Amino acid sequence: MNMRFAKMSVQNESLAESFTVSVAGDREVSVSGCKKVLTYEEDLIRIQTRECVVAVKGEALSLKSFHPGEMRITGRIDTLAIERG
């Protein structure tokens, strides 16, 4: 099994205002800097971070863990988007 790993971090001037998105292949996304879940559907999960909205589109999506400020989404991930404004 060939797994691809990617990490994307967007930061403001202060680390307290940052968020991080980590992707493991096409089956898992972890997001830190979360505030709340905006949309939770089988094909779309949208998470409000301190600065923007992280949208994950795919199939059989599920929130596997939710700790203060951090979430882990699993399923078949097709699209990951950062929504601003």
N, C-alpha and C. Protein backbone atom coordinates (compact mmCIF):
# COMPACT_ATOMS: atom_id res chain seq x y z
N MET A 1 0.84 -1.17 0.00
CA MET A 1 0.00 0.00 0.00
C MET A 1 0.89 1.24 0.00
N ASN A 2 0.69 2.08 -0.96
CA ASN A 2 1.47 3.31 -1.09
C ASN A 2 0.69 4.46 -0.46
N MET A 3 1.16 4.96 0.68
CA MET A 3 0.49 6.06 1.38
C MET A 3 1.21 7.36 1.07
N ARG A 4 0.45 8.39 0.84
CA ARG A 4 1.00 9.71 0.65
C ARG A 4 0.68 10.55 1.87
N PHE A 5 1.61 11.36 2.30
CA PHE A 5 1.40 12.22 3.45
C PHE A 5 1.68 13.66 3.04
N ALA A 6 0.84 14.54 3.51
CA ALA A 6 1.03 15.96 3.22
C ALA A 6 0.66 16.74 4.47
N LYS A 7 1.29 17.85 4.64
CA LYS A 7 0.96 18.71 5.77
C LYS A 7 0.91 20.14 5.27
N MET A 8 -0.15 20.83 5.65
CA MET A 8 -0.33 22.20 5.24
C MET A 8 -0.58 23.01 6.50
N SER A 9 0.10 24.11 6.63
CA SER A 9 -0.08 24.95 7.80
C SER A 9 -0.22 26.39 7.34
N VAL A 10 -1.23 27.05 7.85
CA VAL A 10 -1.44 28.46 7.55
C VAL A 10 -1.40 29.19 8.88
N GLN A 11 -0.56 30.22 8.96
CA GLN A 11 -0.41 30.91 10.23
C GLN A 11 -0.52 32.41 10.06
N ASN A 12 -1.12 33.04 11.06
CA ASN A 12 -1.12 34.49 11.15
C ASN A 12 0.13 34.92 11.89
N GLU A 13 0.15 36.15 12.34
CA GLU A 13 1.31 36.65 13.07
C GLU A 13 1.47 35.97 14.41
N SER A 14 0.39 35.47 14.97
CA SER A 14 0.43 34.83 16.28
C SER A 14 0.13 33.34 16.14
N LEU A 15 0.89 32.49 16.81
CA LEU A 15 0.61 31.06 16.78
C LEU A 15 -0.76 30.74 17.37
N ALA A 16 -1.24 31.57 18.26
CA ALA A 16 -2.56 31.34 18.85
C ALA A 16 -3.66 31.46 17.80
N GLU A 17 -3.38 32.09 16.68
CA GLU A 17 -4.38 32.28 15.63
C GLU A 17 -4.18 31.30 14.46
N SER A 18 -3.37 30.26 14.61
CA SER A 18 -3.06 29.39 13.49
C SER A 18 -3.93 28.14 13.50
N PHE A 19 -3.95 27.47 12.36
CA PHE A 19 -4.56 26.16 12.24
C PHE A 19 -3.65 25.29 11.40
N THR A 20 -3.79 23.97 11.55
CA THR A 20 -2.98 23.03 10.79
C THR A 20 -3.88 21.94 10.24
N VAL A 21 -3.64 21.56 8.98
CA VAL A 21 -4.35 20.46 8.34
C VAL A 21 -3.32 19.43 7.94
N SER A 22 -3.50 18.18 8.39
CA SER A 22 -2.61 17.08 8.02
C SER A 22 -3.42 16.04 7.27
N VAL A 23 -2.87 15.55 6.16
CA VAL A 23 -3.57 14.59 5.31
C VAL A 23 -2.74 13.31 5.23
N ALA A 24 -3.39 12.17 5.47
CA ALA A 24 -2.73 10.86 5.33
C ALA A 24 -3.42 10.11 4.20
N GLY A 25 -2.79 10.12 3.03
CA GLY A 25 -3.38 9.45 1.87
C GLY A 25 -4.72 10.07 1.51
N ASP A 26 -5.67 9.23 1.10
CA ASP A 26 -7.01 9.73 0.78
C ASP A 26 -8.04 9.20 1.77
N ARG A 27 -7.58 8.85 2.99
CA ARG A 27 -8.47 8.25 3.99
C ARG A 27 -8.54 8.98 5.32
N GLU A 28 -7.68 9.97 5.56
CA GLU A 28 -7.70 10.63 6.87
C GLU A 28 -7.21 12.08 6.79
N VAL A 29 -7.92 12.96 7.48
CA VAL A 29 -7.54 14.36 7.61
C VAL A 29 -7.61 14.73 9.08
N SER A 30 -6.58 15.38 9.59
CA SER A 30 -6.59 15.90 10.96
C SER A 30 -6.50 17.42 10.89
N VAL A 31 -7.30 18.08 11.71
CA VAL A 31 -7.33 19.54 11.72
C VAL A 31 -7.15 20.00 13.16
N SER A 32 -6.18 20.90 13.38
CA SER A 32 -6.03 21.51 14.70
C SER A 32 -6.40 22.98 14.58
N GLY A 33 -6.75 23.59 15.69
CA GLY A 33 -7.21 24.97 15.68
C GLY A 33 -8.71 25.06 15.41
N CYS A 34 -9.44 23.97 15.66
CA CYS A 34 -10.89 23.91 15.41
C CYS A 34 -11.67 24.66 16.47
N LYS A 35 -12.77 25.24 16.05
CA LYS A 35 -13.70 25.88 16.98
C LYS A 35 -15.00 25.09 17.06
N LYS A 36 -15.57 24.73 15.88
CA LYS A 36 -16.83 23.99 15.88
C LYS A 36 -17.08 23.33 14.52
N VAL A 37 -18.00 22.38 14.52
CA VAL A 37 -18.42 21.71 13.29
C VAL A 37 -19.60 22.49 12.72
N LEU A 38 -19.48 22.91 11.47
CA LEU A 38 -20.54 23.65 10.80
C LEU A 38 -21.48 22.73 10.03
N THR A 39 -20.91 21.72 9.37
CA THR A 39 -21.68 20.77 8.57
C THR A 39 -21.13 19.38 8.83
N TYR A 40 -22.04 18.43 9.08
CA TYR A 40 -21.61 17.04 9.29
C TYR A 40 -22.55 16.14 8.51
N GLU A 41 -22.14 15.78 7.31
CA GLU A 41 -22.90 14.89 6.45
C GLU A 41 -21.96 13.80 5.96
N GLU A 42 -22.51 12.74 5.41
CA GLU A 42 -21.70 11.62 4.94
C GLU A 42 -20.74 12.01 3.83
N ASP A 43 -21.10 13.04 3.05
CA ASP A 43 -20.25 13.45 1.92
C ASP A 43 -19.60 14.82 2.09
N LEU A 44 -19.85 15.50 3.23
CA LEU A 44 -19.28 16.83 3.46
C LEU A 44 -19.17 17.10 4.96
N ILE A 45 -17.97 17.47 5.39
CA ILE A 45 -17.77 17.95 6.76
C ILE A 45 -17.07 19.30 6.65
N ARG A 46 -17.67 20.32 7.29
CA ARG A 46 -17.08 21.67 7.30
C ARG A 46 -16.79 22.03 8.74
N ILE A 47 -15.54 22.49 8.99
CA ILE A 47 -15.07 22.80 10.33
C ILE A 47 -14.63 24.26 10.38
N GLN A 48 -15.15 24.98 11.36
CA GLN A 48 -14.73 26.37 11.59
C GLN A 48 -13.44 26.34 12.40
N THR A 49 -12.39 26.96 11.87
CA THR A 49 -11.14 27.13 12.62
C THR A 49 -11.10 28.57 13.11
N ARG A 50 -10.01 28.95 13.70
CA ARG A 50 -9.87 30.31 14.20
C ARG A 50 -9.86 31.34 13.07
N GLU A 51 -9.45 30.92 11.87
CA GLU A 51 -9.29 31.86 10.76
C GLU A 51 -10.18 31.63 9.56
N CYS A 52 -10.64 30.39 9.36
CA CYS A 52 -11.34 30.05 8.13
C CYS A 52 -12.19 28.80 8.36
N VAL A 53 -12.73 28.28 7.26
CA VAL A 53 -13.49 27.03 7.29
C VAL A 53 -12.73 26.01 6.48
N VAL A 54 -12.53 24.82 7.05
CA VAL A 54 -11.92 23.70 6.34
C VAL A 54 -13.07 22.79 5.90
N ALA A 55 -13.17 22.56 4.58
CA ALA A 55 -14.23 21.71 4.03
C ALA A 55 -13.61 20.44 3.46
N VAL A 56 -14.14 19.31 3.88
CA VAL A 56 -13.69 18.01 3.40
C VAL A 56 -14.87 17.36 2.69
N LYS A 57 -14.68 17.01 1.40
CA LYS A 57 -15.72 16.34 0.62
C LYS A 57 -15.24 14.94 0.29
N GLY A 58 -16.17 13.99 0.27
CA GLY A 58 -15.82 12.63 -0.06
C GLY A 58 -17.00 11.69 0.17
N GLU A 59 -16.70 10.45 0.55
CA GLU A 59 -17.73 9.44 0.78
C GLU A 59 -17.49 8.78 2.12
N ALA A 60 -18.57 8.43 2.80
CA ALA A 60 -18.52 7.74 4.10
C ALA A 60 -17.64 8.48 5.10
N LEU A 61 -17.76 9.82 5.11
CA LEU A 61 -16.94 10.63 6.01
C LEU A 61 -17.47 10.51 7.44
N SER A 62 -16.54 10.51 8.39
CA SER A 62 -16.90 10.37 9.80
C SER A 62 -15.90 11.11 10.67
N LEU A 63 -16.39 11.76 11.72
CA LEU A 63 -15.50 12.35 12.73
C LEU A 63 -15.11 11.24 13.69
N LYS A 64 -13.86 10.84 13.66
CA LYS A 64 -13.39 9.74 14.51
C LYS A 64 -12.92 10.23 15.87
N SER A 65 -12.47 11.46 15.95
CA SER A 65 -12.10 12.00 17.26
C SER A 65 -12.31 13.50 17.25
N PHE A 66 -12.73 13.98 18.39
CA PHE A 66 -12.93 15.41 18.56
C PHE A 66 -12.47 15.76 19.97
N HIS A 67 -11.35 16.43 20.03
CA HIS A 67 -10.79 16.91 21.29
C HIS A 67 -10.77 18.42 21.19
N PRO A 68 -10.76 19.12 22.31
CA PRO A 68 -10.73 20.59 22.23
C PRO A 68 -9.65 21.08 21.26
N GLY A 69 -10.10 21.71 20.19
CA GLY A 69 -9.17 22.28 19.23
C GLY A 69 -8.66 21.33 18.16
N GLU A 70 -9.01 20.04 18.21
CA GLU A 70 -8.51 19.07 17.23
C GLU A 70 -9.59 18.09 16.80
N MET A 71 -9.58 17.74 15.50
CA MET A 71 -10.52 16.76 14.95
C MET A 71 -9.80 15.84 13.97
N ARG A 72 -10.31 14.60 13.87
CA ARG A 72 -9.79 13.65 12.89
C ARG A 72 -10.98 13.12 12.09
N ILE A 73 -10.88 13.26 10.77
CA ILE A 73 -11.93 12.83 9.85
C ILE A 73 -11.41 11.65 9.05
N THR A 74 -12.23 10.61 8.93
CA THR A 74 -11.86 9.46 8.10
C THR A 74 -12.95 9.21 7.06
N GLY A 75 -12.62 8.43 6.07
CA GLY A 75 -13.52 8.10 4.96
C GLY A 75 -12.73 8.21 3.67
N ARG A 76 -13.44 8.18 2.55
CA ARG A 76 -12.75 8.39 1.27
C ARG A 76 -12.78 9.87 0.95
N ILE A 77 -11.61 10.50 1.01
CA ILE A 77 -11.52 11.94 0.85
C ILE A 77 -11.23 12.28 -0.60
N ASP A 78 -12.11 13.08 -1.18
CA ASP A 78 -11.95 13.49 -2.57
C ASP A 78 -11.40 14.91 -2.69
N THR A 79 -11.88 15.82 -1.83
CA THR A 79 -11.53 17.23 -1.93
C THR A 79 -11.32 17.82 -0.55
N LEU A 80 -10.28 18.63 -0.43
CA LEU A 80 -10.02 19.38 0.79
C LEU A 80 -9.92 20.85 0.38
N ALA A 81 -10.73 21.71 1.00
CA ALA A 81 -10.74 23.12 0.61
C ALA A 81 -10.65 24.01 1.85
N ILE A 82 -10.02 25.17 1.67
CA ILE A 82 -9.95 26.20 2.69
C ILE A 82 -10.87 27.33 2.21
N GLU A 83 -11.90 27.64 2.99
CA GLU A 83 -12.85 28.68 2.62
C GLU A 83 -12.58 29.91 3.50
N ARG A 84 -12.39 31.05 2.86
CA ARG A 84 -12.16 32.30 3.59
C ARG A 84 -13.25 33.30 3.24
N GLY A 85 -13.55 34.16 4.22
CA GLY A 85 -14.47 35.27 3.99
C GLY A 85 -15.83 34.85 3.74
